[in-house]
Amino acid sequence: MNKTTLLSVTGFVLIAVLIALIKGALYTVGEVEQVVVTQFGKPVGEPIVTAGLQFKIPFIQQVNPIEKRVLEWDGNPSDMPTKDKLYISVDLFARWRIIDPLQYFLRLRDERSAQSRLDDILGSETRNAVAKHELIEIIRTTKDRVPQRDELLTDAEKTLNMGTLVPINKGRKVVENEIFQSAAEKVNVFGIELLDIRFKRINYNASVRPKIYDRMVSERRQIAERFLSEGHGEAARIRGNRERDLNKIQSEAYLQVEKIRGQADAIAAQIYSDAYNQSEKAVSFYEFTRTMAAFPSIVDNGTTLILSTDSEMYKYIKTSTSEEK
């Protein structure tokens, strides 16, 4: 190998080594991350929290990026008892971020360890808070809420406190704040700031859920039966009033009809009287027509009459027979 070739190879190697050293010494910090530099596994210097180009000792120092954005924690639903001995399933979520990357790196190292520690702390504080409050305090969001009442409720029903809400002293927001305050102090030692915590879902435990639903159905059925009973009583009262009013109307109508009929009969009798009392012949004709009108109702083809000679009916029959002869 001649001298020129040797110099070329040497220069190439030196350039490659120089590029490797520069590449190993330079690194960039993104806008959404912060960096802890370690040397042989131990942190060196202060954490780098600003974005830009940075330098380190190549091959000796290592760059450990740490998330700078807001992170989420979503716990698994857990069964826990309330103060009134009801087992409920609580599903919680929270938002957090890393504010002290050095402390975070020394205590936890990575996000998986942080999530595991949050599981322990938030789960424990949630269980403590739920155990100190009754179920109504955990599920209600506001206190002193005024329920809407049906305007059709009677005074007697209002005295039974129908539609009233169970009074609460705190409410769900206060319980959430208690969990937040207690957990925030404990996670702060890990370089973590807890930003927010909320109940995502609260439900009855699966083993007691059917009993709770049965009890709710039974209570609703009792209320429905009471309303049905009151409805049947009101219907019977309305029917009774209807029958009474109907009988009264029919009685008054019958009385009015009979009164009108009596007046009509009196007027008709007066008209007949005036018509047939104008002369002796009119009176005789009236007596004759009335007698003849009575015959169809008492005599038919198979009727045998036995009359005295001085009866009115015999008089007209005898007269009629004599005229035919």
C-alpha atoms as a PDB file:
ATOM      1  CA  MET A   1       0.000   0.000   0.000  1.00  0.00           C
ATOM      2  CA  ASN A   2       1.570   3.301  -1.031  1.00  0.00           C
ATOM      3  CA  LYS A   3       1.651   6.396   1.097  1.00  0.00           C
ATOM      4  CA  THR A   4      -1.156   8.200  -0.774  1.00  0.00           C
ATOM      5  CA  THR A   5      -3.603   5.351  -0.314  1.00  0.00           C
ATOM      6  CA  LEU A   6      -2.740   5.054   3.367  1.00  0.00           C
ATOM      7  CA  LEU A   7      -3.386   8.743   3.893  1.00  0.00           C
ATOM      8  CA  SER A   8      -6.725   8.476   2.101  1.00  0.00           C
ATOM      9  CA  VAL A   9      -7.878   5.540   4.249  1.00  0.00           C
ATOM     10  CA  THR A  10      -6.703   7.256   7.420  1.00  0.00           C
ATOM     11  CA  GLY A  11      -8.528  10.449   6.474  1.00  0.00           C
ATOM     12  CA  PHE A  12     -11.712   8.506   5.740  1.00  0.00           C
ATOM     13  CA  VAL A  13     -11.548   6.734   9.091  1.00  0.00           C
ATOM     14  CA  LEU A  14     -10.956   9.992  10.939  1.00  0.00           C
ATOM     15  CA  ILE A  15     -13.906  11.628   9.194  1.00  0.00           C
ATOM     16  CA  ALA A  16     -16.166   8.671  10.045  1.00  0.00           C
ATOM     17  CA  VAL A  17     -15.029   8.759  13.683  1.00  0.00           C
ATOM     18  CA  LEU A  18     -15.585  12.511  13.805  1.00  0.00           C
ATOM     19  CA  ILE A  19     -19.101  12.141  12.360  1.00  0.00           C
ATOM     20  CA  ALA A  20     -19.903   9.407  14.887  1.00  0.00           C
ATOM     21  CA  LEU A  21     -18.618  11.592  17.753  1.00  0.00           C
ATOM     22  CA  ILE A  22     -20.634  14.571  16.591  1.00  0.00           C
ATOM     23  CA  LYS A  23     -23.747  12.435  16.116  1.00  0.00           C
ATOM     24  CA  GLY A  24     -23.331  10.905  19.549  1.00  0.00           C
ATOM     25  CA  ALA A  25     -22.760  14.296  21.160  1.00  0.00           C
ATOM     26  CA  LEU A  26     -25.707  16.112  19.619  1.00  0.00           C
ATOM     27  CA  TYR A  27     -29.372  15.438  20.336  1.00  0.00           C
ATOM     28  CA  THR A  28     -32.620  17.385  20.089  1.00  0.00           C
ATOM     29  CA  VAL A  29     -35.311  17.964  22.674  1.00  0.00           C
ATOM     30  CA  GLY A  30     -38.850  18.139  21.271  1.00  0.00           C
ATOM     31  CA  GLU A  31     -41.627  20.525  22.238  1.00  0.00           C
ATOM     32  CA  VAL A  32     -43.622  17.789  23.965  1.00  0.00           C
ATOM     33  CA  GLU A  33     -40.811  16.194  25.956  1.00  0.00           C
ATOM     34  CA  GLN A  34     -38.203  16.855  28.612  1.00  0.00           C
ATOM     35  CA  VAL A  35     -34.892  15.082  29.040  1.00  0.00           C
ATOM     36  CA  VAL A  36     -32.836  13.633  31.887  1.00  0.00           C
ATOM     37  CA  VAL A  37     -29.217  12.870  30.951  1.00  0.00           C
ATOM     38  CA  THR A  38     -27.623   9.934  32.766  1.00  0.00           C
ATOM     39  CA  GLN A  39     -24.035   8.825  33.018  1.00  0.00           C
ATOM     40  CA  PHE A  40     -23.533   5.163  33.892  1.00  0.00           C
ATOM     41  CA  GLY A  41     -27.202   5.063  34.955  1.00  0.00           C
ATOM     42  CA  LYS A  42     -27.071   8.100  37.255  1.00  0.00           C
ATOM     43  CA  PRO A  43     -28.582  11.498  36.386  1.00  0.00           C
ATOM     44  CA  VAL A  44     -26.123  14.205  35.441  1.00  0.00           C
ATOM     45  CA  GLY A  45     -26.939  17.887  35.710  1.00  0.00           C
ATOM     46  CA  GLU A  46     -30.347  19.459  35.689  1.00  0.00           C
ATOM     47  CA  PRO A  47     -33.184  18.128  33.527  1.00  0.00           C
ATOM     48  CA  ILE A  48     -33.594  19.842  30.170  1.00  0.00           C
ATOM     49  CA  VAL A  49     -37.141  21.146  29.794  1.00  0.00           C
ATOM     50  CA  THR A  50     -36.733  23.532  26.830  1.00  0.00           C
ATOM     51  CA  ALA A  51     -36.825  22.430  23.217  1.00  0.00           C
ATOM     52  CA  GLY A  52     -33.733  22.734  21.053  1.00  0.00           C
ATOM     53  CA  LEU A  53     -30.337  21.256  20.170  1.00  0.00           C
ATOM     54  CA  GLN A  54     -28.301  19.932  23.135  1.00  0.00           C
ATOM     55  CA  PHE A  55     -24.888  18.357  23.743  1.00  0.00           C
ATOM     56  CA  LYS A  56     -23.733  15.363  25.771  1.00  0.00           C
ATOM     57  CA  ILE A  57     -20.643  13.215  26.137  1.00  0.00           C
ATOM     58  CA  PRO A  58     -20.903  10.574  23.412  1.00  0.00           C
ATOM     59  CA  PHE A  59     -20.976   6.875  24.323  1.00  0.00           C
ATOM     60  CA  ILE A  60     -20.908   7.696  28.051  1.00  0.00           C
ATOM     61  CA  GLN A  61     -24.000   9.739  28.658  1.00  0.00           C
ATOM     62  CA  GLN A  62     -27.506   8.574  27.736  1.00  0.00           C
ATOM     63  CA  VAL A  63     -30.605  10.651  26.913  1.00  0.00           C
ATOM     64  CA  ASN A  64     -33.830   9.674  28.727  1.00  0.00           C
ATOM     65  CA  PRO A  65     -36.876  11.451  27.225  1.00  0.00           C
ATOM     66  CA  ILE A  66     -39.828  12.084  29.535  1.00  0.00           C
ATOM     67  CA  GLU A  67     -43.331  13.074  28.412  1.00  0.00           C
ATOM     68  CA  LYS A  68     -44.213  16.713  28.918  1.00  0.00           C
ATOM     69  CA  ARG A  69     -47.862  16.632  27.825  1.00  0.00           C
ATOM     70  CA  VAL A  70     -50.920  15.986  29.965  1.00  0.00           C
ATOM     71  CA  LEU A  71     -51.372  12.238  30.427  1.00  0.00           C
ATOM     72  CA  GLU A  72     -54.450  10.233  31.278  1.00  0.00           C
ATOM     73  CA  TRP A  73     -55.085   7.567  33.847  1.00  0.00           C
ATOM     74  CA  ASP A  74     -58.116   5.320  33.409  1.00  0.00           C
ATOM     75  CA  GLY A  75     -58.608   2.886  36.243  1.00  0.00           C
ATOM     76  CA  ASN A  76     -60.427  -0.412  36.104  1.00  0.00           C
ATOM     77  CA  PRO A  77     -63.888  -0.612  37.744  1.00  0.00           C
ATOM     78  CA  SER A  78     -63.577  -1.702  41.362  1.00  0.00           C
ATOM     79  CA  ASP A  79     -66.189  -2.968  43.809  1.00  0.00           C
ATOM     80  CA  MET A  80     -66.260  -1.156  47.139  1.00  0.00           C
ATOM     81  CA  PRO A  81     -68.757  -0.629  49.994  1.00  0.00           C
ATOM     82  CA  THR A  82     -70.405   2.677  50.863  1.00  0.00           C
ATOM     83  CA  LYS A  83     -71.160   3.974  54.341  1.00  0.00           C
ATOM     84  CA  ASP A  84     -74.722   2.606  54.108  1.00  0.00           C
ATOM     85  CA  LYS A  85     -73.355  -0.908  53.346  1.00  0.00           C
ATOM     86  CA  LEU A  86     -74.138  -0.953  49.629  1.00  0.00           C
ATOM     87  CA  TYR A  87     -71.570  -2.518  47.328  1.00  0.00           C
ATOM     88  CA  ILE A  88     -71.042  -0.442  44.194  1.00  0.00           C
ATOM     89  CA  SER A  89     -68.741  -0.630  41.203  1.00  0.00           C
ATOM     90  CA  VAL A  90     -66.768   2.603  40.766  1.00  0.00           C
ATOM     91  CA  ASP A  91     -64.978   3.537  37.529  1.00  0.00           C
ATOM     92  CA  LEU A  92     -62.616   6.511  37.860  1.00  0.00           C
ATOM     93  CA  PHE A  93     -60.391   8.498  35.492  1.00  0.00           C
ATOM     94  CA  ALA A  94     -57.796  11.223  36.068  1.00  0.00           C
ATOM     95  CA  ARG A  95     -55.435  13.595  34.234  1.00  0.00           C
ATOM     96  CA  TRP A  96     -51.824  14.155  35.307  1.00  0.00           C
ATOM     97  CA  ARG A  97     -48.467  15.463  34.109  1.00  0.00           C
ATOM     98  CA  ILE A  98     -44.798  15.310  35.084  1.00  0.00           C
ATOM     99  CA  ILE A  99     -43.564  18.554  36.660  1.00  0.00           C
ATOM    100  CA  ASP A 100     -40.281  17.310  38.210  1.00  0.00           C
ATOM    101  CA  PRO A 101     -38.611  15.030  35.640  1.00  0.00           C
ATOM    102  CA  LEU A 102     -35.591  14.307  37.849  1.00  0.00           C
ATOM    103  CA  GLN A 103     -37.671  13.160  40.804  1.00  0.00           C
ATOM    104  CA  TYR A 104     -39.932  11.243  38.433  1.00  0.00           C
ATOM    105  CA  PHE A 105     -36.932   9.489  36.858  1.00  0.00           C
ATOM    106  CA  LEU A 106     -35.360   8.591  40.210  1.00  0.00           C
ATOM    107  CA  ARG A 107     -38.601   7.264  41.692  1.00  0.00           C
ATOM    108  CA  LEU A 108     -40.450   5.726  38.761  1.00  0.00           C
ATOM    109  CA  ARG A 109     -38.208   5.663  35.664  1.00  0.00           C
ATOM    110  CA  ASP A 110     -41.009   5.158  33.103  1.00  0.00           C
ATOM    111  CA  GLU A 111     -44.703   5.708  32.460  1.00  0.00           C
ATOM    112  CA  ARG A 112     -45.674   2.110  33.168  1.00  0.00           C
ATOM    113  CA  SER A 113     -44.385   2.415  36.743  1.00  0.00           C
ATOM    114  CA  ALA A 114     -46.214   5.746  37.098  1.00  0.00           C
ATOM    115  CA  GLN A 115     -49.505   4.227  35.960  1.00  0.00           C
ATOM    116  CA  SER A 116     -49.073   1.351  38.395  1.00  0.00           C
ATOM    117  CA  ARG A 117     -48.396   3.726  41.289  1.00  0.00           C
ATOM    118  CA  LEU A 118     -51.417   5.830  40.328  1.00  0.00           C
ATOM    119  CA  ASP A 119     -53.513   2.656  40.355  1.00  0.00           C
ATOM    120  CA  ASP A 120     -52.499   2.038  43.961  1.00  0.00           C
ATOM    121  CA  ILE A 121     -52.868   5.601  45.237  1.00  0.00           C
ATOM    122  CA  LEU A 122     -56.061   6.620  43.447  1.00  0.00           C
ATOM    123  CA  GLY A 123     -57.703   3.248  44.073  1.00  0.00           C
ATOM    124  CA  SER A 124     -56.926   3.470  47.792  1.00  0.00           C
ATOM    125  CA  GLU A 125     -58.125   7.068  48.166  1.00  0.00           C
ATOM    126  CA  THR A 126     -61.280   6.329  46.215  1.00  0.00           C
ATOM    127  CA  ARG A 127     -62.060   3.369  48.439  1.00  0.00           C
ATOM    128  CA  ASN A 128     -61.530   5.482  51.574  1.00  0.00           C
ATOM    129  CA  ALA A 129     -63.737   8.304  50.293  1.00  0.00           C
ATOM    130  CA  VAL A 130     -66.552   5.975  49.199  1.00  0.00           C
ATOM    131  CA  ALA A 131     -66.503   4.177  52.559  1.00  0.00           C
ATOM    132  CA  LYS A 132     -67.013   7.494  54.380  1.00  0.00           C
ATOM    133  CA  HIS A 133     -70.086   8.585  52.399  1.00  0.00           C
ATOM    134  CA  GLU A 134     -73.514   7.189  51.665  1.00  0.00           C
ATOM    135  CA  LEU A 135     -74.473   6.264  48.128  1.00  0.00           C
ATOM    136  CA  ILE A 136     -76.727   9.311  47.663  1.00  0.00           C
ATOM    137  CA  GLU A 137     -73.782  11.598  48.460  1.00  0.00           C
ATOM    138  CA  ILE A 138     -71.700   9.980  45.717  1.00  0.00           C
ATOM    139  CA  ILE A 139     -74.239   9.932  42.889  1.00  0.00           C
ATOM    140  CA  ARG A 140     -75.907  13.323  43.450  1.00  0.00           C
ATOM    141  CA  THR A 141     -74.179  16.252  41.765  1.00  0.00           C
ATOM    142  CA  THR A 142     -75.831  19.150  43.580  1.00  0.00           C
ATOM    143  CA  LYS A 143     -77.497  19.729  46.907  1.00  0.00           C
ATOM    144  CA  ASP A 144     -80.633  21.716  47.745  1.00  0.00           C
ATOM    145  CA  ARG A 145     -82.111  20.770  44.380  1.00  0.00           C
ATOM    146  CA  VAL A 146     -85.875  21.385  44.167  1.00  0.00           C
ATOM    147  CA  PRO A 147     -87.819  18.599  42.392  1.00  0.00           C
ATOM    148  CA  GLN A 148     -90.661  19.338  40.025  1.00  0.00           C
ATOM    149  CA  ARG A 149     -94.070  18.311  41.343  1.00  0.00           C
ATOM    150  CA  ASP A 150     -97.185  17.469  39.402  1.00  0.00           C
ATOM    151  CA  GLU A 151     -99.809  20.171  39.806  1.00  0.00           C
ATOM    152  CA  LEU A 152    -102.485  17.464  40.066  1.00  0.00           C
ATOM    153  CA  LEU A 153    -101.192  16.293  43.450  1.00  0.00           C
ATOM    154  CA  THR A 154    -103.708  16.826  46.237  1.00  0.00           C
ATOM    155  CA  ASP A 155    -102.898  18.421  49.587  1.00  0.00           C
ATOM    156  CA  ALA A 156    -103.059  14.980  51.223  1.00  0.00           C
ATOM    157  CA  GLU A 157    -100.510  13.613  48.765  1.00  0.00           C
ATOM    158  CA  LYS A 158     -98.232  16.598  49.295  1.00  0.00           C
ATOM    159  CA  THR A 159     -98.222  15.950  53.045  1.00  0.00           C
ATOM    160  CA  LEU A 160     -96.884  12.441  52.282  1.00  0.00           C
ATOM    161  CA  ASN A 161     -93.718  14.110  50.884  1.00  0.00           C
ATOM    162  CA  MET A 162     -94.319  12.577  47.481  1.00  0.00           C
ATOM    163  CA  GLY A 163     -91.622  13.661  45.024  1.00  0.00           C
ATOM    164  CA  THR A 164     -89.214  14.946  47.671  1.00  0.00           C
ATOM    165  CA  LEU A 165     -85.492  14.234  47.329  1.00  0.00           C
ATOM    166  CA  VAL A 166     -83.289  12.716  49.993  1.00  0.00           C
ATOM    167  CA  PRO A 167     -81.284  15.558  51.603  1.00  0.00           C
ATOM    168  CA  ILE A 168     -77.513  15.514  51.069  1.00  0.00           C
ATOM    169  CA  ASN A 169     -74.694  17.406  52.765  1.00  0.00           C
ATOM    170  CA  LYS A 170     -71.891  17.250  50.194  1.00  0.00           C
ATOM    171  CA  GLY A 171     -72.616  15.728  46.800  1.00  0.00           C
ATOM    172  CA  ARG A 172     -70.484  14.029  44.175  1.00  0.00           C
ATOM    173  CA  LYS A 173     -68.299  17.027  43.347  1.00  0.00           C
ATOM    174  CA  VAL A 174     -67.216  17.402  46.956  1.00  0.00           C
ATOM    175  CA  VAL A 175     -66.404  13.685  47.188  1.00  0.00           C
ATOM    176  CA  GLU A 176     -64.346  13.930  43.989  1.00  0.00           C
ATOM    177  CA  ASN A 177     -62.499  16.917  45.425  1.00  0.00           C
ATOM    178  CA  GLU A 178     -61.705  14.975  48.614  1.00  0.00           C
ATOM    179  CA  ILE A 179     -60.174  12.167  46.552  1.00  0.00           C
ATOM    180  CA  PHE A 180     -58.246  14.720  44.485  1.00  0.00           C
ATOM    181  CA  GLN A 181     -56.805  16.541  47.490  1.00  0.00           C
ATOM    182  CA  SER A 182     -55.681  13.370  49.240  1.00  0.00           C
ATOM    183  CA  ALA A 183     -54.177  11.771  46.124  1.00  0.00           C
ATOM    184  CA  ALA A 184     -52.471  14.959  44.887  1.00  0.00           C
ATOM    185  CA  GLU A 185     -50.286  15.149  48.007  1.00  0.00           C
ATOM    186  CA  LYS A 186     -49.179  11.533  47.673  1.00  0.00           C
ATOM    187  CA  VAL A 187     -48.308  11.618  43.957  1.00  0.00           C
ATOM    188  CA  ASN A 188     -46.457  14.928  44.287  1.00  0.00           C
ATOM    189  CA  VAL A 189     -43.437  13.160  45.836  1.00  0.00           C
ATOM    190  CA  PHE A 190     -42.982  11.325  42.521  1.00  0.00           C
ATOM    191  CA  GLY A 191     -42.680  14.560  40.560  1.00  0.00           C
ATOM    192  CA  ILE A 192     -46.265  14.212  39.316  1.00  0.00           C
ATOM    193  CA  GLU A 193     -48.978  16.857  39.386  1.00  0.00           C
ATOM    194  CA  LEU A 194     -52.520  15.539  39.541  1.00  0.00           C
ATOM    195  CA  LEU A 195     -54.700  17.851  37.423  1.00  0.00           C
ATOM    196  CA  ASP A 196     -58.192  16.426  37.661  1.00  0.00           C
ATOM    197  CA  ILE A 197     -60.167  13.409  38.789  1.00  0.00           C
ATOM    198  CA  ARG A 198     -63.721  12.363  37.960  1.00  0.00           C
ATOM    199  CA  PHE A 199     -66.152   9.486  38.451  1.00  0.00           C
ATOM    200  CA  LYS A 200     -66.776   7.956  35.047  1.00  0.00           C
ATOM    201  CA  ARG A 201     -69.387   5.421  36.094  1.00  0.00           C
ATOM    202  CA  ILE A 202     -71.004   4.334  39.358  1.00  0.00           C
ATOM    203  CA  ASN A 203     -73.136   1.212  39.334  1.00  0.00           C
ATOM    204  CA  TYR A 204     -74.424  -1.398  41.748  1.00  0.00           C
ATOM    205  CA  ASN A 205     -72.379  -4.509  42.252  1.00  0.00           C
ATOM    206  CA  ALA A 206     -73.434  -7.275  39.866  1.00  0.00           C
ATOM    207  CA  SER A 207     -74.355  -9.613  42.740  1.00  0.00           C
ATOM    208  CA  VAL A 208     -76.731  -7.163  44.425  1.00  0.00           C
ATOM    209  CA  ARG A 209     -78.012  -5.440  41.279  1.00  0.00           C
ATOM    210  CA  PRO A 210     -81.004  -7.818  40.774  1.00  0.00           C
ATOM    211  CA  LYS A 211     -82.092  -7.315  44.403  1.00  0.00           C
ATOM    212  CA  ILE A 212     -81.849  -3.547  44.050  1.00  0.00           C
ATOM    213  CA  TYR A 213     -83.861  -3.612  40.857  1.00  0.00           C
ATOM    214  CA  ASP A 214     -86.467  -5.894  42.465  1.00  0.00           C
ATOM    215  CA  ARG A 215     -86.788  -3.497  45.379  1.00  0.00           C
ATOM    216  CA  MET A 216     -87.170  -0.538  43.032  1.00  0.00           C
ATOM    217  CA  VAL A 217     -89.822  -2.401  41.044  1.00  0.00           C
ATOM    218  CA  SER A 218     -91.641  -3.310  44.266  1.00  0.00           C
ATOM    219  CA  GLU A 219     -91.644   0.298  45.435  1.00  0.00           C
ATOM    220  CA  ARG A 220     -92.909   1.514  42.066  1.00  0.00           C
ATOM    221  CA  ARG A 221     -95.579  -1.195  42.099  1.00  0.00           C
ATOM    222  CA  GLN A 222     -96.761  -0.122  45.553  1.00  0.00           C
ATOM    223  CA  ILE A 223     -97.088   3.460  44.365  1.00  0.00           C
ATOM    224  CA  ALA A 224     -98.900   2.276  41.232  1.00  0.00           C
ATOM    225  CA  GLU A 225    -101.285   0.149  43.305  1.00  0.00           C
ATOM    226  CA  ARG A 226    -102.065   3.121  45.534  1.00  0.00           C
ATOM    227  CA  PHE A 227    -102.810   5.273  42.507  1.00  0.00           C
ATOM    228  CA  LEU A 228    -104.954   2.495  41.018  1.00  0.00           C
ATOM    229  CA  SER A 229    -106.865   2.142  44.285  1.00  0.00           C
ATOM    230  CA  GLU A 230    -107.457   5.870  44.440  1.00  0.00           C
ATOM    231  CA  GLY A 231    -108.492   5.813  40.780  1.00  0.00           C
ATOM    232  CA  HIS A 232    -110.974   2.987  41.346  1.00  0.00           C
ATOM    233  CA  GLY A 233    -112.450   4.842  44.325  1.00  0.00           C
ATOM    234  CA  GLU A 234    -112.775   8.030  42.325  1.00  0.00           C
ATOM    235  CA  ALA A 235    -114.354   6.092  39.435  1.00  0.00           C
ATOM    236  CA  ALA A 236    -116.900   4.498  41.805  1.00  0.00           C
ATOM    237  CA  ARG A 237    -117.742   7.923  43.236  1.00  0.00           C
ATOM    238  CA  ILE A 238    -118.207   9.368  39.750  1.00  0.00           C
ATOM    239  CA  ARG A 239    -120.412   6.439  38.708  1.00  0.00           C
ATOM    240  CA  GLY A 240    -122.508   6.829  41.867  1.00  0.00           C
ATOM    241  CA  ASN A 241    -122.943  10.546  41.231  1.00  0.00           C
ATOM    242  CA  ARG A 242    -123.852   9.783  37.629  1.00  0.00           C
ATOM    243  CA  GLU A 243    -126.521   7.251  38.641  1.00  0.00           C
ATOM    244  CA  ARG A 244    -127.931   9.642  41.224  1.00  0.00           C
ATOM    245  CA  ASP A 245    -128.052  12.528  38.756  1.00  0.00           C
ATOM    246  CA  LEU A 246    -129.570  10.255  36.100  1.00  0.00           C
ATOM    247  CA  ASN A 247    -132.304   9.034  38.436  1.00  0.00           C
ATOM    248  CA  LYS A 248    -132.999  12.596  39.493  1.00  0.00           C
ATOM    249  CA  ILE A 249    -133.266  13.742  35.872  1.00  0.00           C
ATOM    250  CA  GLN A 250    -135.518  10.803  34.960  1.00  0.00           C
ATOM    251  CA  SER A 251    -137.731  11.413  38.000  1.00  0.00           C
ATOM    252  CA  GLU A 252    -138.059  15.103  37.249  1.00  0.00           C
ATOM    253  CA  ALA A 253    -138.717  14.325  33.575  1.00  0.00           C
ATOM    254  CA  TYR A 254    -141.397  11.724  34.466  1.00  0.00           C
ATOM    255  CA  LEU A 255    -143.037  14.206  36.815  1.00  0.00           C
ATOM    256  CA  GLN A 256    -143.017  16.835  34.097  1.00  0.00           C
ATOM    257  CA  VAL A 257    -144.415  14.369  31.535  1.00  0.00           C
ATOM    258  CA  GLU A 258    -147.229  13.290  33.846  1.00  0.00           C
ATOM    259  CA  LYS A 259    -148.028  16.886  34.648  1.00  0.00           C
ATOM    260  CA  ILE A 260    -148.181  17.762  30.954  1.00  0.00           C
ATOM    261  CA  ARG A 261    -150.243  14.641  30.216  1.00  0.00           C
ATOM    262  CA  GLY A 262    -152.681  15.466  33.029  1.00  0.00           C
ATOM    263  CA  GLN A 263    -153.040  19.022  31.769  1.00  0.00           C
ATOM    264  CA  ALA A 264    -153.575  17.703  28.218  1.00  0.00           C
ATOM    265  CA  ASP A 265    -156.194  15.227  29.402  1.00  0.00           C
ATOM    266  CA  ALA A 266    -157.959  17.971  31.327  1.00  0.00           C
ATOM    267  CA  ILE A 267    -157.936  20.230  28.297  1.00  0.00           C
ATOM    268  CA  ALA A 268    -159.162  17.370  26.046  1.00  0.00           C
ATOM    269  CA  ALA A 269    -161.945  16.533  28.514  1.00  0.00           C
ATOM    270  CA  GLN A 270    -162.907  20.176  28.620  1.00  0.00           C
ATOM    271  CA  ILE A 271    -162.996  20.304  24.822  1.00  0.00           C
ATOM    272  CA  TYR A 272    -165.138  17.147  24.675  1.00  0.00           C
ATOM    273  CA  SER A 273    -167.401  18.511  27.374  1.00  0.00           C
ATOM    274  CA  ASP A 274    -167.805  21.817  25.580  1.00  0.00           C
ATOM    275  CA  ALA A 275    -168.442  20.024  22.282  1.00  0.00           C
ATOM    276  CA  TYR A 276    -171.029  17.500  23.517  1.00  0.00           C
ATOM    277  CA  ASN A 277    -172.877  19.737  26.018  1.00  0.00           C
ATOM    278  CA  GLN A 278    -174.125  22.178  23.430  1.00  0.00           C
ATOM    279  CA  SER A 279    -177.526  20.391  23.135  1.00  0.00           C
ATOM    280  CA  GLU A 280    -179.518  17.295  24.229  1.00  0.00           C
ATOM    281  CA  LYS A 281    -178.872  15.608  20.896  1.00  0.00           C
ATOM    282  CA  ALA A 282    -175.122  16.204  21.260  1.00  0.00           C
ATOM    283  CA  VAL A 283    -175.218  14.614  24.705  1.00  0.00           C
ATOM    284  CA  SER A 284    -177.082  11.596  23.392  1.00  0.00           C
ATOM    285  CA  PHE A 285    -174.709  11.268  20.448  1.00  0.00           C
ATOM    286  CA  TYR A 286    -171.734  11.387  22.812  1.00  0.00           C
ATOM    287  CA  GLU A 287    -173.207   8.666  25.011  1.00  0.00           C
ATOM    288  CA  PHE A 288    -173.908   6.551  21.892  1.00  0.00           C
ATOM    289  CA  THR A 289    -170.361   6.915  20.487  1.00  0.00           C
ATOM    290  CA  ARG A 290    -168.748   6.096  23.814  1.00  0.00           C
ATOM    291  CA  THR A 291    -170.936   3.010  24.195  1.00  0.00           C
ATOM    292  CA  MET A 292    -170.162   1.839  20.669  1.00  0.00           C
ATOM    293  CA  ALA A 293    -166.451   2.400  21.278  1.00  0.00           C
ATOM    294  CA  ALA A 294    -166.630   0.036  24.254  1.00  0.00           C
ATOM    295  CA  PHE A 295    -168.123  -2.872  22.279  1.00  0.00           C
ATOM    296  CA  PRO A 296    -164.931  -3.920  20.344  1.00  0.00           C
ATOM    297  CA  SER A 297    -163.036  -4.302  23.575  1.00  0.00           C
ATOM    298  CA  ILE A 298    -165.603  -6.583  25.250  1.00  0.00           C
ATOM    299  CA  VAL A 299    -167.313  -8.387  22.347  1.00  0.00           C
ATOM    300  CA  ASP A 300    -165.904 -10.671  19.655  1.00  0.00           C
ATOM    301  CA  ASN A 301    -167.307 -13.504  17.487  1.00  0.00           C
ATOM    302  CA  GLY A 302    -167.459 -16.025  20.319  1.00  0.00           C
ATOM    303  CA  THR A 303    -168.809 -13.700  23.016  1.00  0.00           C
ATOM    304  CA  THR A 304    -172.207 -14.286  24.637  1.00  0.00           C
ATOM    305  CA  LEU A 305    -173.678 -11.266  26.414  1.00  0.00           C
ATOM    306  CA  ILE A 306    -176.302 -11.402  29.128  1.00  0.00           C
ATOM    307  CA  LEU A 307    -177.707  -7.900  29.598  1.00  0.00           C
ATOM    308  CA  SER A 308    -180.525  -6.533  31.672  1.00  0.00           C
ATOM    309  CA  THR A 309    -183.296  -4.706  29.836  1.00  0.00           C
ATOM    310  CA  ASP A 310    -182.533  -1.439  31.577  1.00  0.00           C
ATOM    311  CA  SER A 311    -178.815  -1.278  30.775  1.00  0.00           C
ATOM    312  CA  GLU A 312    -177.444   1.402  28.453  1.00  0.00           C
ATOM    313  CA  MET A 313    -175.786  -1.110  26.150  1.00  0.00           C
ATOM    314  CA  TYR A 314    -178.946  -3.177  25.725  1.00  0.00           C
ATOM    315  CA  LYS A 315    -180.888   0.013  24.961  1.00  0.00           C
ATOM    316  CA  TYR A 316    -178.727   0.790  21.910  1.00  0.00           C
ATOM    317  CA  ILE A 317    -178.694  -2.828  20.706  1.00  0.00           C
ATOM    318  CA  LYS A 318    -182.469  -3.068  21.040  1.00  0.00           C
ATOM    319  CA  THR A 319    -182.910   0.200  19.154  1.00  0.00           C
ATOM    320  CA  SER A 320    -180.612  -0.938  16.368  1.00  0.00           C
ATOM    321  CA  THR A 321    -182.443  -4.302  16.081  1.00  0.00           C
ATOM    322  CA  SER A 322    -185.863  -2.619  15.977  1.00  0.00           C
ATOM    323  CA  GLU A 323    -184.750  -0.285  13.170  1.00  0.00           C
ATOM    324  CA  GLU A 324    -183.521  -3.243  11.107  1.00  0.00           C
ATOM    325  CA  LYS A 325    -186.954  -4.936  11.372  1.00  0.00           C
END
